[in-house]
Amino acid sequence: MSKEEINAFLGAGTVYQGRLSFQGAVRIDGSFSGEVLSEGALIVGKDAEIEGVLNVGDLLLSGRFTGEVRAKRRVTVHKTGVLQGAIYTPALVMEEGALLDGQVIMQERPQGVE
């Protein structure tokens, strides 16, 4: 995914709480706590810390996430990624070095994702 495709960017040092909904792709490199709703891709940078509930099309995780992920298409946890919680997705990709502590439920279309 190229930078031109990213619709919004929450940079390092940014702290955000609440509900985030978007189209396309959003990258977070700061801290976020709350709910994310999107058919698009959420890109979590290696220094980011996210806590909450994610209902997204795709999750690309290089940072730290705690909570519940419901991904319509795929969850990718890169080698610097740490995921603690529950994952509901039809496809899970984990690079060597990635950490996962929780539950994985693989199903064709996760409940709660439209």
N, C-alpha and C. Protein backbone atom coordinates (compact mmCIF):
# COMPACT_ATOMS: atom_id res chain seq x y z
N MET A 1 0.84 -1.18 0.00
CA MET A 1 0.00 0.00 0.00
C MET A 1 0.88 1.24 0.00
N SER A 2 0.66 2.12 -0.92
CA SER A 2 1.48 3.32 -1.03
C SER A 2 0.92 4.45 -0.18
N LYS A 3 1.76 5.46 0.09
CA LYS A 3 1.34 6.60 0.89
C LYS A 3 0.18 7.35 0.24
N GLU A 4 0.11 7.34 -1.08
CA GLU A 4 -0.96 8.06 -1.78
C GLU A 4 -2.33 7.48 -1.45
N GLU A 5 -2.38 6.22 -1.06
CA GLU A 5 -3.65 5.56 -0.78
C GLU A 5 -4.15 5.81 0.64
N ILE A 6 -3.30 6.36 1.52
CA ILE A 6 -3.70 6.60 2.91
C ILE A 6 -4.50 7.89 2.99
N ASN A 7 -5.72 7.79 3.54
CA ASN A 7 -6.63 8.94 3.62
C ASN A 7 -6.39 9.82 4.84
N ALA A 8 -5.90 9.21 5.94
CA ALA A 8 -5.65 9.97 7.16
C ALA A 8 -4.47 9.35 7.90
N PHE A 9 -3.83 10.18 8.73
CA PHE A 9 -2.64 9.74 9.44
C PHE A 9 -2.65 10.35 10.83
N LEU A 10 -2.60 9.50 11.86
CA LEU A 10 -2.46 9.98 13.24
C LEU A 10 -1.02 9.70 13.63
N GLY A 11 -0.20 10.74 13.65
CA GLY A 11 1.24 10.60 13.81
C GLY A 11 1.68 10.25 15.22
N ALA A 12 2.97 9.95 15.33
CA ALA A 12 3.57 9.64 16.63
C ALA A 12 3.35 10.82 17.58
N GLY A 13 3.07 10.52 18.82
CA GLY A 13 2.80 11.57 19.80
C GLY A 13 1.34 11.97 19.88
N THR A 14 0.53 11.52 18.91
CA THR A 14 -0.90 11.80 18.91
C THR A 14 -1.61 10.84 19.86
N VAL A 15 -2.50 11.38 20.70
CA VAL A 15 -3.31 10.55 21.59
C VAL A 15 -4.76 10.84 21.26
N TYR A 16 -5.51 9.77 20.94
CA TYR A 16 -6.89 9.95 20.51
C TYR A 16 -7.76 8.92 21.21
N GLN A 17 -8.95 9.36 21.69
CA GLN A 17 -9.92 8.46 22.30
C GLN A 17 -11.26 8.71 21.64
N GLY A 18 -12.01 7.63 21.40
CA GLY A 18 -13.33 7.81 20.84
C GLY A 18 -13.65 6.80 19.76
N ARG A 19 -14.37 7.28 18.76
CA ARG A 19 -14.82 6.44 17.66
C ARG A 19 -14.27 7.00 16.35
N LEU A 20 -13.69 6.12 15.56
CA LEU A 20 -13.10 6.51 14.28
C LEU A 20 -13.76 5.69 13.18
N SER A 21 -14.32 6.37 12.20
CA SER A 21 -14.84 5.67 11.03
C SER A 21 -14.27 6.35 9.80
N PHE A 22 -13.96 5.55 8.77
CA PHE A 22 -13.31 6.09 7.59
C PHE A 22 -13.53 5.18 6.39
N GLN A 23 -13.20 5.72 5.21
CA GLN A 23 -13.17 4.94 3.98
C GLN A 23 -11.72 4.91 3.52
N GLY A 24 -11.36 3.90 2.77
CA GLY A 24 -9.99 3.80 2.27
C GLY A 24 -9.06 3.24 3.33
N ALA A 25 -7.95 3.93 3.58
CA ALA A 25 -6.95 3.47 4.54
C ALA A 25 -6.55 4.58 5.50
N VAL A 26 -6.32 4.20 6.75
CA VAL A 26 -5.86 5.13 7.77
C VAL A 26 -4.66 4.50 8.46
N ARG A 27 -3.66 5.32 8.74
CA ARG A 27 -2.47 4.85 9.46
C ARG A 27 -2.41 5.54 10.81
N ILE A 28 -2.16 4.75 11.86
CA ILE A 28 -2.01 5.28 13.21
C ILE A 28 -0.60 4.95 13.70
N ASP A 29 0.13 5.98 14.11
CA ASP A 29 1.45 5.79 14.70
C ASP A 29 1.48 6.28 16.14
N GLY A 30 0.38 6.84 16.62
CA GLY A 30 0.29 7.32 17.99
C GLY A 30 -0.49 6.34 18.86
N SER A 31 -1.24 6.88 19.82
CA SER A 31 -2.06 6.07 20.72
C SER A 31 -3.53 6.31 20.42
N PHE A 32 -4.29 5.22 20.38
CA PHE A 32 -5.73 5.31 20.13
C PHE A 32 -6.44 4.35 21.06
N SER A 33 -7.53 4.84 21.65
CA SER A 33 -8.37 4.01 22.52
C SER A 33 -9.81 4.23 22.11
N GLY A 34 -10.51 3.15 21.77
CA GLY A 34 -11.91 3.30 21.39
C GLY A 34 -12.32 2.28 20.34
N GLU A 35 -13.18 2.74 19.43
CA GLU A 35 -13.77 1.87 18.42
C GLU A 35 -13.42 2.39 17.02
N VAL A 36 -13.09 1.46 16.13
CA VAL A 36 -12.80 1.80 14.74
C VAL A 36 -13.76 1.02 13.86
N LEU A 37 -14.44 1.74 12.95
CA LEU A 37 -15.38 1.13 12.02
C LEU A 37 -15.01 1.51 10.61
N SER A 38 -14.75 0.50 9.76
CA SER A 38 -14.40 0.80 8.38
C SER A 38 -14.41 -0.46 7.53
N GLU A 39 -14.74 -0.28 6.27
CA GLU A 39 -14.58 -1.37 5.29
C GLU A 39 -13.16 -1.38 4.77
N GLY A 40 -12.41 -0.34 5.05
CA GLY A 40 -11.05 -0.18 4.54
C GLY A 40 -10.00 -0.82 5.40
N ALA A 41 -8.76 -0.34 5.24
CA ALA A 41 -7.60 -0.90 5.92
C ALA A 41 -7.13 0.02 7.04
N LEU A 42 -6.88 -0.57 8.20
CA LEU A 42 -6.26 0.14 9.32
C LEU A 42 -4.81 -0.32 9.39
N ILE A 43 -3.90 0.64 9.29
CA ILE A 43 -2.47 0.35 9.35
C ILE A 43 -1.96 0.88 10.68
N VAL A 44 -1.40 -0.01 11.49
CA VAL A 44 -0.91 0.36 12.81
C VAL A 44 0.61 0.29 12.78
N GLY A 45 1.25 1.46 12.90
CA GLY A 45 2.71 1.56 12.85
C GLY A 45 3.38 0.90 14.03
N LYS A 46 4.70 0.66 13.92
CA LYS A 46 5.42 -0.12 14.93
C LYS A 46 5.47 0.53 16.31
N ASP A 47 5.32 1.83 16.40
CA ASP A 47 5.35 2.51 17.70
C ASP A 47 3.96 2.83 18.23
N ALA A 48 2.93 2.43 17.51
CA ALA A 48 1.55 2.73 17.89
C ALA A 48 1.06 1.79 18.99
N GLU A 49 0.12 2.30 19.80
CA GLU A 49 -0.56 1.50 20.81
C GLU A 49 -2.05 1.74 20.67
N ILE A 50 -2.78 0.66 20.40
CA ILE A 50 -4.22 0.73 20.16
C ILE A 50 -4.91 -0.17 21.17
N GLU A 51 -6.03 0.33 21.71
CA GLU A 51 -6.84 -0.47 22.63
C GLU A 51 -8.30 -0.24 22.28
N GLY A 52 -9.06 -1.35 22.14
CA GLY A 52 -10.48 -1.20 21.86
C GLY A 52 -11.04 -2.28 20.98
N VAL A 53 -12.00 -1.88 20.15
CA VAL A 53 -12.70 -2.79 19.25
C VAL A 53 -12.51 -2.29 17.82
N LEU A 54 -12.03 -3.19 16.96
CA LEU A 54 -11.81 -2.84 15.56
C LEU A 54 -12.74 -3.65 14.68
N ASN A 55 -13.55 -2.99 13.87
CA ASN A 55 -14.37 -3.62 12.84
C ASN A 55 -13.89 -3.03 11.52
N VAL A 56 -12.99 -3.75 10.84
CA VAL A 56 -12.34 -3.21 9.65
C VAL A 56 -12.35 -4.24 8.51
N GLY A 57 -12.01 -3.77 7.34
CA GLY A 57 -11.82 -4.68 6.21
C GLY A 57 -10.52 -5.45 6.38
N ASP A 58 -9.43 -4.71 6.64
CA ASP A 58 -8.10 -5.30 6.82
C ASP A 58 -7.40 -4.62 7.99
N LEU A 59 -6.63 -5.39 8.74
CA LEU A 59 -5.77 -4.83 9.78
C LEU A 59 -4.34 -5.22 9.45
N LEU A 60 -3.45 -4.23 9.38
CA LEU A 60 -2.02 -4.46 9.18
C LEU A 60 -1.33 -3.93 10.44
N LEU A 61 -0.90 -4.84 11.30
CA LEU A 61 -0.42 -4.48 12.63
C LEU A 61 1.09 -4.64 12.74
N SER A 62 1.76 -3.52 13.02
CA SER A 62 3.20 -3.54 13.30
C SER A 62 3.46 -3.09 14.73
N GLY A 63 2.47 -2.51 15.38
CA GLY A 63 2.59 -2.01 16.75
C GLY A 63 1.91 -2.93 17.73
N ARG A 64 1.28 -2.33 18.75
CA ARG A 64 0.67 -3.09 19.83
C ARG A 64 -0.84 -2.85 19.83
N PHE A 65 -1.61 -3.93 19.89
CA PHE A 65 -3.07 -3.83 19.95
C PHE A 65 -3.61 -4.73 21.05
N THR A 66 -4.55 -4.19 21.84
CA THR A 66 -5.24 -4.96 22.87
C THR A 66 -6.74 -4.76 22.67
N GLY A 67 -7.47 -5.87 22.55
CA GLY A 67 -8.92 -5.78 22.40
C GLY A 67 -9.47 -6.84 21.47
N GLU A 68 -10.46 -6.44 20.68
CA GLU A 68 -11.13 -7.37 19.77
C GLU A 68 -11.05 -6.84 18.35
N VAL A 69 -10.67 -7.72 17.41
CA VAL A 69 -10.59 -7.38 16.00
C VAL A 69 -11.58 -8.23 15.23
N ARG A 70 -12.41 -7.57 14.43
CA ARG A 70 -13.28 -8.25 13.49
C ARG A 70 -12.92 -7.71 12.11
N ALA A 71 -12.19 -8.53 11.35
CA ALA A 71 -11.72 -8.11 10.03
C ALA A 71 -12.46 -8.88 8.95
N LYS A 72 -13.02 -8.15 8.03
CA LYS A 72 -13.81 -8.75 6.95
C LYS A 72 -12.95 -9.58 6.00
N ARG A 73 -11.71 -9.13 5.74
CA ARG A 73 -10.86 -9.82 4.77
C ARG A 73 -9.64 -10.48 5.40
N ARG A 74 -8.84 -9.71 6.17
CA ARG A 74 -7.56 -10.27 6.62
C ARG A 74 -6.98 -9.47 7.79
N VAL A 75 -6.27 -10.19 8.65
CA VAL A 75 -5.44 -9.59 9.68
C VAL A 75 -4.01 -10.00 9.39
N THR A 76 -3.11 -9.02 9.31
CA THR A 76 -1.69 -9.28 9.11
C THR A 76 -0.94 -8.72 10.31
N VAL A 77 -0.19 -9.58 11.00
CA VAL A 77 0.62 -9.15 12.14
C VAL A 77 2.08 -9.26 11.71
N HIS A 78 2.71 -8.09 11.57
CA HIS A 78 4.11 -8.04 11.15
C HIS A 78 5.02 -8.41 12.31
N LYS A 79 6.32 -8.59 12.03
CA LYS A 79 7.26 -9.12 13.03
C LYS A 79 7.37 -8.26 14.28
N THR A 80 7.07 -6.97 14.21
CA THR A 80 7.13 -6.10 15.39
C THR A 80 5.76 -6.00 16.08
N GLY A 81 4.75 -6.67 15.54
CA GLY A 81 3.39 -6.57 16.05
C GLY A 81 3.14 -7.43 17.28
N VAL A 82 2.30 -6.90 18.18
CA VAL A 82 1.86 -7.62 19.38
C VAL A 82 0.35 -7.49 19.45
N LEU A 83 -0.36 -8.59 19.44
CA LEU A 83 -1.82 -8.58 19.49
C LEU A 83 -2.28 -9.38 20.70
N GLN A 84 -3.03 -8.72 21.59
CA GLN A 84 -3.60 -9.38 22.75
C GLN A 84 -5.10 -9.23 22.68
N GLY A 85 -5.81 -10.36 22.60
CA GLY A 85 -7.26 -10.30 22.54
C GLY A 85 -7.84 -11.32 21.60
N ALA A 86 -8.98 -11.00 21.03
CA ALA A 86 -9.71 -11.90 20.15
C ALA A 86 -9.67 -11.41 18.71
N ILE A 87 -9.49 -12.35 17.79
CA ILE A 87 -9.48 -12.04 16.36
C ILE A 87 -10.56 -12.87 15.69
N TYR A 88 -11.40 -12.21 14.91
CA TYR A 88 -12.41 -12.87 14.09
C TYR A 88 -12.11 -12.46 12.64
N THR A 89 -11.69 -13.41 11.82
CA THR A 89 -11.30 -13.09 10.45
C THR A 89 -11.26 -14.35 9.60
N PRO A 90 -11.46 -14.22 8.30
CA PRO A 90 -11.31 -15.40 7.44
C PRO A 90 -9.86 -15.72 7.10
N ALA A 91 -8.92 -14.75 7.29
CA ALA A 91 -7.52 -14.98 6.95
C ALA A 91 -6.61 -14.28 7.96
N LEU A 92 -5.61 -15.02 8.42
CA LEU A 92 -4.64 -14.48 9.38
C LEU A 92 -3.23 -14.75 8.86
N VAL A 93 -2.41 -13.69 8.79
CA VAL A 93 -1.02 -13.81 8.36
C VAL A 93 -0.16 -13.31 9.51
N MET A 94 0.79 -14.14 9.93
CA MET A 94 1.70 -13.76 11.02
C MET A 94 3.14 -13.93 10.56
N GLU A 95 3.91 -12.85 10.63
CA GLU A 95 5.32 -12.94 10.31
C GLU A 95 6.07 -13.55 11.49
N GLU A 96 7.21 -14.16 11.21
CA GLU A 96 8.06 -14.69 12.26
C GLU A 96 8.47 -13.55 13.18
N GLY A 97 8.30 -13.74 14.49
CA GLY A 97 8.60 -12.70 15.47
C GLY A 97 7.37 -11.99 16.00
N ALA A 98 6.26 -12.07 15.28
CA ALA A 98 5.00 -11.46 15.74
C ALA A 98 4.50 -12.21 16.97
N LEU A 99 3.81 -11.50 17.86
CA LEU A 99 3.29 -12.10 19.07
C LEU A 99 1.77 -12.04 19.09
N LEU A 100 1.16 -13.14 19.49
CA LEU A 100 -0.30 -13.23 19.60
C LEU A 100 -0.63 -13.91 20.90
N ASP A 101 -1.43 -13.24 21.73
CA ASP A 101 -1.88 -13.80 23.00
C ASP A 101 -3.39 -13.61 23.04
N GLY A 102 -4.12 -14.67 22.72
CA GLY A 102 -5.56 -14.55 22.71
C GLY A 102 -6.22 -15.66 21.94
N GLN A 103 -7.35 -15.32 21.38
CA GLN A 103 -8.20 -16.29 20.70
C GLN A 103 -8.35 -15.90 19.23
N VAL A 104 -8.29 -16.91 18.36
CA VAL A 104 -8.48 -16.68 16.93
C VAL A 104 -9.66 -17.51 16.47
N ILE A 105 -10.65 -16.86 15.90
CA ILE A 105 -11.80 -17.53 15.31
C ILE A 105 -11.81 -17.20 13.84
N MET A 106 -11.57 -18.22 13.02
CA MET A 106 -11.53 -18.01 11.57
C MET A 106 -12.86 -18.45 11.00
N GLN A 107 -13.52 -17.52 10.35
CA GLN A 107 -14.81 -17.78 9.73
C GLN A 107 -14.89 -16.97 8.46
N GLU A 108 -15.75 -17.42 7.56
CA GLU A 108 -15.84 -16.76 6.26
C GLU A 108 -16.18 -15.29 6.37
N ARG A 109 -17.19 -14.94 7.14
CA ARG A 109 -17.58 -13.53 7.32
C ARG A 109 -17.84 -13.30 8.80
N PRO A 110 -16.93 -12.62 9.49
CA PRO A 110 -17.09 -12.39 10.92
C PRO A 110 -18.41 -11.70 11.26
N GLN A 111 -19.05 -12.13 12.33
CA GLN A 111 -20.28 -11.48 12.78
C GLN A 111 -19.97 -10.06 13.20
N GLY A 112 -20.90 -9.18 12.93
CA GLY A 112 -20.72 -7.79 13.31
C GLY A 112 -20.06 -6.95 12.23
N VAL A 113 -19.54 -7.58 11.17
CA VAL A 113 -18.92 -6.86 10.07
C VAL A 113 -19.88 -6.90 8.90
N GLU A 114 -20.31 -5.74 8.42
CA GLU A 114 -21.26 -5.65 7.31
C GLU A 114 -20.55 -5.66 5.99
